[in-house]
Amino acid sequence: MEIVALVLVTLVSVAAGVAHYLGAASLLSFTIAALALAGLAWTVSFATEQVGERFGPAVTGVLQSTLGNLPEFFVVLFALSAGEVVVAQTSLIGSVLANALLVLGLALVAGSFRSEGKVMSFGRRLPNDTATLLLVAVFIIALVGVSVAADNSAARHVKAISIIGAVCLLGVYLTWLFPYLRSDKERARGRARLGFAPAAMLLLAAGVGAAFVSDWFVAELRPTIDRFNISATFAGIVIVAIAGNAVENAVGVTLAWKRQHDLAISVIKNSVSQVAAFLFPLLVLCSLFFAQSLTFSIAPVLIVALLLTAIAVWQITGDGEGTIFEGVALIALYVILAAVALYD
């Protein structure tokens, strides 16, 4: 089954390249590239799962989130190189919000439905740590946003403040990461279907493929946005965020359905904290090599959305339990946010 899927992913990725270089219609090229991006994300997810069979939920969750975010990383890089700063920013913010609201909500619904007493139970440490990391990121973003809105002297140094904030965020994230990984006592949850070397090679191939496909995806993004007259904010918050994380997100929900609650929460929560406290600041530093820099200055409505999301996620998952009602509430928040972005 996996071999068939890998062959299909390869064919779709090749088709995306052909459509791009032969000048096919923008909508067709964009659709094929989006499918290829999702397929490559599945490939990364599958290979990571094989490697992760040798470790516990903490290591596996971090590994899957890190490698699963490869397509997102390349999409943002190519968006910046194309001058699409709004798309780059909103795709990162959208990734955080989609995982923290939509995906976590779906996982809570699936996990609770399949659990005794309709309550999904999991460890409390990761949800609380994720909330802390997200709040640190929001703190920086909110201060920059208020400075820009007030047009004070700090507003003239957003780039410098963003660089300092990025370094601080990376420092906080790494300070949390290594003790968290060392706390993982579980090993060998199952028997891997791929050896370590083939899985590593598959990860490398998928990473290279993601770099090319992300370039083609971004190249067709602007014509598609213009054709359907949708805002760059909606494209980043919903379309790019979901396309770049589609299969990775599905993994978290599937694990919750299979009653692997701690691993499901690890995959989802690690993705949230990683994008907010690692990927975003890392890309802020990487953007210094581009004509237009990425900063922490984002739209006020997104600052509010991030802050309320951090509070909601902490309140709902901080006790180590989730219910169907709480899952539906998170999904509803994401739908409302998508509606606001659509009419932006």
Protein backbone atom coordinates (compact mmCIF):
# COMPACT_ATOMS: atom_id res chain seq x y z
CA MET A 1 0.00 0.00 0.00
CA GLU A 2 2.78 2.40 0.95
CA ILE A 3 4.68 1.62 -2.27
CA VAL A 4 1.61 2.50 -4.35
CA ALA A 5 1.20 5.75 -2.42
CA LEU A 6 4.87 6.66 -2.90
CA VAL A 7 4.60 6.01 -6.64
CA LEU A 8 1.51 8.24 -6.82
CA VAL A 9 3.28 11.02 -4.91
CA THR A 10 6.21 10.81 -7.33
CA LEU A 11 3.92 10.96 -10.35
CA VAL A 12 1.95 13.93 -9.01
CA SER A 13 5.18 15.77 -8.15
CA VAL A 14 6.50 15.19 -11.68
CA ALA A 15 3.16 16.35 -13.09
CA ALA A 16 3.43 19.54 -11.02
CA GLY A 17 6.85 20.22 -12.56
CA VAL A 18 5.60 19.53 -16.07
CA ALA A 19 2.57 21.79 -15.61
CA HIS A 20 4.78 24.58 -14.27
CA TYR A 21 7.48 24.49 -16.92
CA LEU A 22 5.10 23.94 -19.86
CA GLY A 23 3.01 26.95 -18.81
CA ALA A 24 -0.26 25.18 -18.05
CA ALA A 25 -3.26 27.17 -16.78
CA SER A 26 -2.50 28.75 -13.40
CA LEU A 27 -5.42 27.08 -11.60
CA LEU A 28 -4.45 23.63 -12.91
CA SER A 29 -0.78 24.12 -12.03
CA PHE A 30 -1.70 25.42 -8.57
CA THR A 31 -4.03 22.49 -7.87
CA ILE A 32 -1.48 19.87 -8.96
CA ALA A 33 1.26 21.59 -6.93
CA ALA A 34 -1.00 21.66 -3.85
CA LEU A 35 -1.71 17.93 -4.23
CA ALA A 36 2.00 17.24 -4.68
CA LEU A 37 2.78 19.28 -1.57
CA ALA A 38 0.26 17.28 0.45
CA GLY A 39 1.67 14.04 -0.97
CA LEU A 40 5.22 14.99 -0.01
CA ALA A 41 3.99 15.89 3.47
CA TRP A 42 2.53 12.37 3.70
CA THR A 43 5.87 10.94 2.56
CA VAL A 44 7.69 12.85 5.29
CA SER A 45 5.07 11.73 7.81
CA PHE A 46 5.36 8.06 6.80
CA ALA A 47 9.17 8.04 6.85
CA THR A 48 9.22 9.87 10.18
CA GLU A 49 6.78 7.35 11.63
CA GLN A 50 9.14 4.53 10.63
CA VAL A 51 12.05 6.25 12.32
CA GLY A 52 9.84 7.10 15.28
CA GLU A 53 8.91 3.47 15.93
CA ARG A 54 12.22 3.26 17.76
CA PHE A 55 11.38 6.09 20.18
CA GLY A 56 8.61 7.34 22.47
CA PRO A 57 5.92 10.03 21.90
CA ALA A 58 8.12 13.02 22.80
CA VAL A 59 10.93 12.26 20.34
CA THR A 60 8.55 11.04 17.65
CA GLY A 61 6.27 14.07 17.99
CA VAL A 62 9.15 16.53 17.71
CA LEU A 63 10.69 14.63 14.80
CA GLN A 64 7.42 14.41 12.90
CA SER A 65 6.60 18.08 13.47
CA THR A 66 10.10 19.23 12.48
CA LEU A 67 10.25 17.29 9.24
CA GLY A 68 6.53 17.70 8.56
CA ASN A 69 7.08 21.47 8.54
CA LEU A 70 9.61 21.24 5.69
CA PRO A 71 7.00 22.11 3.02
CA GLU A 72 5.84 25.08 5.13
CA PHE A 73 9.44 26.27 5.50
CA PHE A 74 10.08 26.19 1.75
CA VAL A 75 6.70 27.76 0.91
CA VAL A 76 7.50 30.76 3.13
CA LEU A 77 11.04 31.08 1.73
CA PHE A 78 9.81 31.14 -1.85
CA ALA A 79 6.96 33.49 -0.92
CA LEU A 80 9.51 35.91 0.52
CA SER A 81 11.72 35.61 -2.55
CA ALA A 82 8.66 36.44 -4.67
CA GLY A 83 7.88 39.49 -2.53
CA GLU A 84 4.72 37.93 -1.05
CA VAL A 85 5.43 39.04 2.54
CA VAL A 86 1.76 39.01 3.60
CA VAL A 87 1.33 35.45 2.34
CA ALA A 88 4.54 34.43 4.13
CA GLN A 89 3.42 35.95 7.43
CA THR A 90 -0.17 34.75 7.29
CA SER A 91 0.80 31.22 6.25
CA LEU A 92 2.93 30.94 9.40
CA ILE A 93 0.22 32.43 11.60
CA GLY A 94 -2.35 30.31 9.78
CA SER A 95 -0.33 27.17 10.46
CA VAL A 96 -0.35 27.93 14.19
CA LEU A 97 -4.07 28.73 14.24
CA ALA A 98 -5.06 25.78 12.03
CA ASN A 99 -3.17 23.31 14.22
CA ALA A 100 -4.18 24.86 17.55
CA LEU A 101 -7.86 25.27 16.66
CA LEU A 102 -8.99 23.13 13.72
CA VAL A 103 -6.67 20.11 14.02
CA LEU A 104 -6.64 19.99 17.82
CA GLY A 105 -10.42 20.36 17.79
CA LEU A 106 -10.84 17.48 15.35
CA ALA A 107 -8.44 15.34 17.40
CA LEU A 108 -10.36 16.03 20.62
CA VAL A 109 -13.64 15.10 18.92
CA ALA A 110 -12.16 11.89 17.45
CA GLY A 111 -10.30 10.90 20.61
CA SER A 112 -13.19 11.67 22.96
CA PHE A 113 -15.70 9.82 20.79
CA ARG A 114 -13.57 6.68 20.95
CA SER A 115 -12.74 6.95 24.67
CA GLU A 116 -14.51 5.52 27.67
CA GLY A 117 -16.75 8.14 29.20
CA LYS A 118 -16.26 10.28 26.07
CA VAL A 119 -13.22 11.95 27.67
CA MET A 120 -9.81 11.97 25.97
CA SER A 121 -6.94 11.84 28.50
CA PHE A 122 -3.29 12.78 27.91
CA GLY A 123 -0.25 14.13 29.73
CA ARG A 124 -0.50 17.71 31.00
CA ARG A 125 3.11 18.81 30.54
CA LEU A 126 3.17 19.33 26.75
CA PRO A 127 -0.12 21.31 26.55
CA ASN A 128 1.07 23.66 29.30
CA ASP A 129 4.54 24.02 27.78
CA THR A 130 2.99 24.73 24.37
CA ALA A 131 0.81 27.45 25.88
CA THR A 132 3.90 29.05 27.46
CA LEU A 133 5.85 29.01 24.19
CA LEU A 134 2.87 30.41 22.29
CA LEU A 135 2.39 33.18 24.86
CA VAL A 136 6.07 34.17 24.60
CA ALA A 137 5.70 34.43 20.81
CA VAL A 138 2.45 36.42 21.17
CA PHE A 139 4.15 38.74 23.70
CA ILE A 140 6.72 39.78 21.08
CA ILE A 141 4.14 40.05 18.30
CA ALA A 142 1.73 42.07 20.46
CA LEU A 143 4.41 44.55 21.57
CA VAL A 144 5.50 45.13 17.97
CA GLY A 145 1.86 45.49 16.88
CA VAL A 146 1.06 48.05 19.59
CA SER A 147 4.22 50.03 18.77
CA VAL A 148 3.29 50.18 15.09
CA ALA A 149 -0.33 51.13 15.88
CA ALA A 150 0.81 53.88 18.27
CA ASP A 151 3.47 55.02 15.79
CA ASN A 152 6.00 55.54 18.58
CA SER A 153 9.77 55.56 18.21
CA ALA A 154 9.97 51.75 18.51
CA ALA A 155 7.83 51.47 15.36
CA ARG A 156 10.78 52.77 13.35
CA HIS A 157 12.91 49.84 14.48
CA VAL A 158 10.56 46.90 13.85
CA LYS A 159 13.22 45.00 11.90
CA ALA A 160 15.79 45.27 14.70
CA ILE A 161 13.21 44.38 17.37
CA SER A 162 12.12 41.37 15.29
CA ILE A 163 15.73 40.13 15.05
CA ILE A 164 16.21 40.45 18.81
CA GLY A 165 12.83 38.80 19.43
CA ALA A 166 13.67 35.97 17.03
CA VAL A 167 16.93 35.20 18.82
CA CYS A 168 15.18 35.26 22.20
CA LEU A 169 12.38 32.99 20.96
CA LEU A 170 14.83 30.47 19.55
CA GLY A 171 16.71 30.51 22.84
CA VAL A 172 13.51 29.84 24.82
CA TYR A 173 12.47 27.06 22.46
CA LEU A 174 15.84 25.27 22.60
CA THR A 175 15.91 25.63 26.40
CA TRP A 176 12.58 23.79 26.51
CA LEU A 177 13.31 21.26 23.76
CA PHE A 178 16.29 19.31 25.09
CA PRO A 179 14.94 18.60 28.60
CA TYR A 180 11.62 17.61 26.99
CA LEU A 181 13.33 15.12 24.69
CA ARG A 182 15.34 13.66 27.58
CA SER A 183 12.12 13.13 29.53
CA ASP A 184 10.93 10.56 26.94
CA LYS A 185 11.30 7.18 28.64
CA GLU A 186 9.32 5.07 26.18
CA ARG A 187 10.97 3.10 23.40
CA ALA A 188 10.08 0.74 20.55
CA ARG A 189 6.32 1.10 20.38
CA GLY A 190 6.12 -1.19 17.36
CA ARG A 191 7.99 -2.80 14.53
CA ALA A 192 9.04 -0.46 11.75
CA ARG A 193 8.21 -1.48 8.18
CA LEU A 194 11.29 0.37 6.87
CA GLY A 195 14.85 0.21 8.11
CA PHE A 196 16.49 3.36 9.43
CA ALA A 197 18.67 3.95 6.32
CA PRO A 198 15.79 3.65 3.77
CA ALA A 199 13.59 5.86 5.95
CA ALA A 200 16.35 8.49 6.18
CA MET A 201 16.86 8.41 2.40
CA LEU A 202 13.12 8.79 1.88
CA LEU A 203 13.12 11.81 4.18
CA LEU A 204 15.97 13.38 2.22
CA ALA A 205 14.23 12.78 -1.12
CA ALA A 206 10.95 14.20 0.20
CA GLY A 207 12.76 17.26 1.53
CA VAL A 208 14.37 17.97 -1.84
CA GLY A 209 11.04 17.38 -3.60
CA ALA A 210 9.30 19.75 -1.19
CA ALA A 211 11.77 22.50 -2.08
CA PHE A 212 10.97 22.26 -5.82
CA VAL A 213 7.21 21.82 -5.43
CA SER A 214 6.99 24.73 -2.97
CA ASP A 215 8.58 26.99 -5.60
CA TRP A 216 6.00 25.90 -8.20
CA PHE A 217 3.17 26.25 -5.67
CA VAL A 218 4.10 29.84 -4.78
CA ALA A 219 4.62 30.75 -8.46
CA GLU A 220 0.99 29.91 -9.22
CA LEU A 221 -0.41 31.35 -5.97
CA ARG A 222 -0.71 35.00 -6.99
CA PRO A 223 -2.51 34.30 -10.31
CA THR A 224 -4.93 32.02 -8.46
CA ILE A 225 -5.58 34.66 -5.79
CA ASP A 226 -6.24 37.29 -8.45
CA ARG A 227 -8.50 35.00 -10.47
CA PHE A 228 -10.79 34.22 -7.52
CA ASN A 229 -10.47 37.69 -6.00
CA ILE A 230 -9.60 36.40 -2.53
CA SER A 231 -7.42 38.25 -0.05
CA ALA A 232 -3.78 37.40 0.55
CA THR A 233 -4.70 37.03 4.24
CA PHE A 234 -7.26 34.29 3.49
CA ALA A 235 -4.82 32.59 1.13
CA GLY A 236 -2.16 32.49 3.84
CA ILE A 237 -4.40 31.73 6.83
CA VAL A 238 -6.45 28.98 5.17
CA ILE A 239 -5.22 27.75 1.76
CA VAL A 240 -1.43 27.78 2.21
CA ALA A 241 -1.56 26.79 5.89
CA ILE A 242 -3.80 23.78 5.28
CA ALA A 243 -2.01 22.69 2.07
CA GLY A 244 1.38 22.84 3.74
CA ASN A 245 0.23 20.85 6.78
CA ALA A 246 -2.59 18.71 5.37
CA VAL A 247 -1.25 15.22 5.90
CA GLU A 248 0.69 16.08 9.05
CA ASN A 249 -2.61 17.30 10.50
CA ALA A 250 -4.42 14.16 9.42
CA VAL A 251 -1.80 12.09 11.26
CA GLY A 252 -2.67 13.76 14.56
CA VAL A 253 -6.41 13.18 14.13
CA THR A 254 -5.84 9.56 13.03
CA LEU A 255 -3.68 8.87 16.08
CA ALA A 256 -6.40 10.28 18.34
CA TRP A 257 -8.96 8.01 16.65
CA LYS A 258 -6.63 5.05 17.29
CA ARG A 259 -6.55 6.01 21.00
CA GLN A 260 -2.87 6.92 20.90
CA HIS A 261 -3.74 10.09 22.78
CA ASP A 262 -0.30 11.14 24.04
CA LEU A 263 1.29 10.71 20.61
CA ALA A 264 -1.59 12.57 18.92
CA ILE A 265 -1.25 15.50 21.30
CA SER A 266 2.54 15.40 20.89
CA VAL A 267 2.33 15.67 17.09
CA ILE A 268 -0.24 18.48 17.13
CA LYS A 269 1.13 20.48 20.04
CA ASN A 270 4.72 20.20 18.84
CA SER A 271 3.63 21.56 15.47
CA VAL A 272 1.99 24.56 17.15
CA SER A 273 4.93 25.40 19.40
CA GLN A 274 7.48 24.71 16.67
CA VAL A 275 5.94 27.05 14.11
CA ALA A 276 5.41 29.82 16.66
CA ALA A 277 8.67 29.58 18.61
CA PHE A 278 11.09 28.01 16.11
CA LEU A 279 10.03 28.22 12.46
CA PHE A 280 8.71 31.81 12.56
CA PRO A 281 11.81 33.29 14.30
CA LEU A 282 14.13 31.16 12.16
CA LEU A 283 12.50 32.52 9.00
CA VAL A 284 12.73 36.07 10.37
CA LEU A 285 16.50 35.58 10.51
CA CYS A 286 16.63 33.82 7.13
CA SER A 287 14.66 36.67 5.53
CA LEU A 288 17.58 39.04 6.18
CA PHE A 289 19.06 37.65 2.96
CA PHE A 290 16.01 38.76 0.93
CA ALA A 291 15.04 42.17 -0.40
CA GLN A 292 11.92 42.22 1.83
CA SER A 293 12.35 41.05 5.41
CA LEU A 294 9.91 39.06 7.48
CA THR A 295 9.07 40.72 10.81
CA PHE A 296 6.75 40.18 13.77
CA SER A 297 4.57 43.09 12.66
CA ILE A 298 1.24 41.54 11.69
CA ALA A 299 -2.37 42.72 11.37
CA PRO A 300 -4.08 43.61 14.69
CA VAL A 301 -6.88 41.09 14.07
CA LEU A 302 -4.32 38.29 13.85
CA ILE A 303 -2.59 39.44 17.04
CA VAL A 304 -5.92 39.20 18.86
CA ALA A 305 -6.60 35.80 17.27
CA LEU A 306 -3.21 34.46 18.41
CA LEU A 307 -3.65 35.75 21.96
CA LEU A 308 -7.15 34.32 22.34
CA THR A 309 -6.00 31.04 20.78
CA ALA A 310 -3.17 30.72 23.32
CA ILE A 311 -5.64 31.29 26.16
CA ALA A 312 -8.23 28.89 24.70
CA VAL A 313 -5.70 26.11 24.12
CA TRP A 314 -4.29 26.45 27.64
CA GLN A 315 -7.76 26.50 29.23
CA ILE A 316 -9.04 23.49 27.27
CA THR A 317 -6.02 21.17 27.33
CA GLY A 318 -4.12 22.29 30.43
CA ASP A 319 -5.95 19.78 32.65
CA GLY A 320 -4.87 16.80 30.53
CA GLU A 321 -8.41 16.03 29.35
CA GLY A 322 -10.55 16.89 26.34
CA THR A 323 -14.19 16.37 25.40
CA ILE A 324 -16.26 16.49 22.23
CA PHE A 325 -17.77 19.80 23.35
CA GLU A 326 -14.31 21.37 23.74
CA GLY A 327 -13.21 20.03 20.36
CA VAL A 328 -16.26 21.48 18.63
CA ALA A 329 -15.62 24.83 20.35
CA LEU A 330 -12.08 24.98 18.93
CA ILE A 331 -13.30 24.08 15.43
CA ALA A 332 -15.95 26.83 15.65
CA LEU A 333 -13.26 29.38 16.54
CA TYR A 334 -11.29 28.44 13.43
CA VAL A 335 -14.36 28.70 11.17
CA ILE A 336 -15.08 32.19 12.54
CA LEU A 337 -11.46 33.21 11.95
CA ALA A 338 -11.57 31.88 8.37
CA ALA A 339 -14.75 33.88 7.73
CA VAL A 340 -13.08 37.09 8.97
CA ALA A 341 -10.04 36.40 6.76
CA LEU A 342 -12.29 35.71 3.74
CA TYR A 343 -13.90 39.14 3.98
CA ASP A 344 -10.69 40.96 4.90
